[in-house]
C-alpha atoms as a PDB file:
ATOM      1  CA  MET A   1     -10.132 -19.529 134.039  1.00  0.00           C
ATOM      2  CA  LYS A   2     -14.101 -19.299 133.053  1.00  0.00           C
ATOM      3  CA  SER A   3     -15.359 -18.215 130.281  1.00  0.00           C
ATOM      4  CA  PRO A   4     -18.503 -15.469 131.649  1.00  0.00           C
ATOM      5  CA  PRO A   5     -22.094 -16.194 130.971  1.00  0.00           C
ATOM      6  CA  LYS A   6     -23.782 -15.999 127.827  1.00  0.00           C
ATOM      7  CA  GLN A   7     -26.502 -14.631 126.757  1.00  0.00           C
ATOM      8  CA  TYR A   8     -28.914 -17.392 124.376  1.00  0.00           C
ATOM      9  CA  ALA A   9     -33.330 -17.300 123.093  1.00  0.00           C
ATOM     10  CA  ILE A  10     -34.641 -20.136 122.883  1.00  0.00           C
ATOM     11  CA  LYS A  11     -37.957 -20.519 120.684  1.00  0.00           C
ATOM     12  CA  LEU A  12     -40.150 -22.719 121.109  1.00  0.00           C
ATOM     13  CA  LYS A  13     -43.462 -23.222 119.559  1.00  0.00           C
ATOM     14  CA  GLU A  14     -45.918 -23.618 123.043  1.00  0.00           C
ATOM     15  CA  HIS A  15     -46.845 -20.091 124.320  1.00  0.00           C
ATOM     16  CA  LEU A  16     -45.565 -19.871 128.219  1.00  0.00           C
ATOM     17  CA  GLU A  17     -47.323 -17.222 130.474  1.00  0.00           C
ATOM     18  CA  PRO A  18     -44.946 -15.845 132.549  1.00  0.00           C
ATOM     19  CA  ASP A  19     -45.305 -17.119 135.640  1.00  0.00           C
ATOM     20  CA  TRP A  20     -43.168 -20.203 134.681  1.00  0.00           C
ATOM     21  CA  SER A  21     -39.792 -17.914 134.755  1.00  0.00           C
ATOM     22  CA  ASP A  22     -39.427 -19.734 137.021  1.00  0.00           C
ATOM     23  CA  TRP A  23     -38.910 -23.053 136.741  1.00  0.00           C
ATOM     24  CA  PHE A  24     -36.364 -21.586 133.927  1.00  0.00           C
ATOM     25  CA  ASP A  25     -34.161 -19.775 136.534  1.00  0.00           C
ATOM     26  CA  GLY A  26     -35.469 -16.700 135.778  1.00  0.00           C
ATOM     27  CA  PHE A  27     -35.255 -15.942 132.119  1.00  0.00           C
ATOM     28  CA  PHE A  28     -37.357 -13.976 130.530  1.00  0.00           C
ATOM     29  CA  ILE A  29     -40.574 -14.839 128.968  1.00  0.00           C
ATOM     30  CA  GLU A  30     -40.879 -12.880 125.651  1.00  0.00           C
ATOM     31  CA  GLU A  31     -45.161 -13.885 124.315  1.00  0.00           C
ATOM     32  CA  GLU A  32     -44.410 -14.063 119.822  1.00  0.00           C
ATOM     33  CA  ASP A  33     -47.041 -14.825 117.659  1.00  0.00           C
ATOM     34  CA  ASN A  34     -46.559 -17.578 116.645  1.00  0.00           C
ATOM     35  CA  PHE A  35     -44.040 -18.651 119.159  1.00  0.00           C
ATOM     36  CA  THR A  36     -42.507 -18.772 122.845  1.00  0.00           C
ATOM     37  CA  LEU A  37     -38.903 -16.854 123.269  1.00  0.00           C
ATOM     38  CA  LEU A  38     -36.724 -17.481 126.334  1.00  0.00           C
ATOM     39  CA  LYS A  39     -34.284 -14.759 127.064  1.00  0.00           C
ATOM     40  CA  GLY A  40     -31.514 -15.104 129.762  1.00  0.00           C
ATOM     41  CA  GLU A  41     -28.063 -15.590 131.136  1.00  0.00           C
ATOM     42  CA  VAL A  42     -25.869 -19.269 131.613  1.00  0.00           C
ATOM     43  CA  ILE A  43     -23.476 -20.023 133.014  1.00  0.00           C
ATOM     44  CA  ASP A  44     -21.856 -22.745 131.285  1.00  0.00           C
ATOM     45  CA  GLN A  45     -23.080 -26.164 128.331  1.00  0.00           C
ATOM     46  CA  ALA A  46     -24.116 -27.576 131.218  1.00  0.00           C
ATOM     47  CA  GLU A  47     -26.496 -25.178 131.680  1.00  0.00           C
ATOM     48  CA  LEU A  48     -27.872 -24.735 128.341  1.00  0.00           C
ATOM     49  CA  HIS A  49     -28.041 -28.029 128.274  1.00  0.00           C
ATOM     50  CA  GLY A  50     -30.110 -28.540 131.375  1.00  0.00           C
ATOM     51  CA  PHE A  51     -32.126 -25.652 130.902  1.00  0.00           C
ATOM     52  CA  LEU A  52     -32.655 -27.997 127.329  1.00  0.00           C
ATOM     53  CA  ILE A  53     -33.595 -31.374 129.475  1.00  0.00           C
ATOM     54  CA  MET A  54     -36.080 -29.397 131.410  1.00  0.00           C
ATOM     55  CA  ILE A  55     -37.621 -28.136 128.354  1.00  0.00           C
ATOM     56  CA  ARG A  56     -38.114 -32.171 126.302  1.00  0.00           C
ATOM     57  CA  ASP A  57     -39.004 -33.243 130.042  1.00  0.00           C
ATOM     58  CA  LEU A  58     -42.157 -30.392 129.917  1.00  0.00           C
ATOM     59  CA  GLY A  59     -43.036 -32.260 126.126  1.00  0.00           C
ATOM     60  CA  LEU A  60     -42.184 -28.452 125.072  1.00  0.00           C
ATOM     61  CA  THR A  61     -40.873 -28.170 121.326  1.00  0.00           C
ATOM     62  CA  LEU A  62     -37.792 -26.467 120.783  1.00  0.00           C
ATOM     63  CA  ILE A  63     -37.617 -24.931 117.797  1.00  0.00           C
ATOM     64  CA  SER A  64     -34.002 -23.969 117.846  1.00  0.00           C
ATOM     65  CA  VAL A  65     -31.485 -22.353 120.510  1.00  0.00           C
ATOM     66  CA  GLU A  66     -29.417 -19.421 119.568  1.00  0.00           C
ATOM     67  CA  GLU A  67     -25.927 -17.030 121.651  1.00  0.00           C
ATOM     68  CA  LEU A  68     -26.878 -13.437 121.526  1.00  0.00           C
ATOM     69  CA  ASN A  69     -23.694 -13.111 122.633  1.00  0.00           C
ATOM     70  CA  ASP A  70     -22.449 -14.754 118.938  1.00  0.00           C
ATOM     71  CA  LEU A  71     -25.074 -11.946 116.676  1.00  0.00           C
ATOM     72  CA  PRO A  72     -22.726  -8.596 115.234  1.00  0.00           C
ATOM     73  CA  ASP A  73     -23.424  -4.799 115.936  1.00  0.00           C
ATOM     74  CA  ILE A  74     -25.836  -4.331 113.498  1.00  0.00           C
ATOM     75  CA  SER A  75     -25.816  -0.438 115.048  1.00  0.00           C
ATOM     76  CA  THR A  76     -22.059   0.245 112.929  1.00  0.00           C
ATOM     77  CA  ARG A  77     -23.508  -1.959 109.267  1.00  0.00           C
ATOM     78  CA  GLY A  78     -23.169  -0.040 106.698  1.00  0.00           C
ATOM     79  CA  SER A  79     -22.112   3.016 108.241  1.00  0.00           C
ATOM     80  CA  GLU A  80     -18.106   2.341 106.783  1.00  0.00           C
END
């Protein structure tokens, strides 16, 4: 049985224009103050590693990779 796709946020040091999303198979590109955040869905670890290899091959600086599905739901925090 296959797992459902997971959401990831990949933080890069370089600033990328929104049209770079074509290179990253539809990942959304968000510009922050000192970095770029790529957010999107991957179907499995092999696809995630493919994105990371592409980032390396493009000479981009990887800051972090975070699985967004594992973040706690903060909307209910403090309501106990």
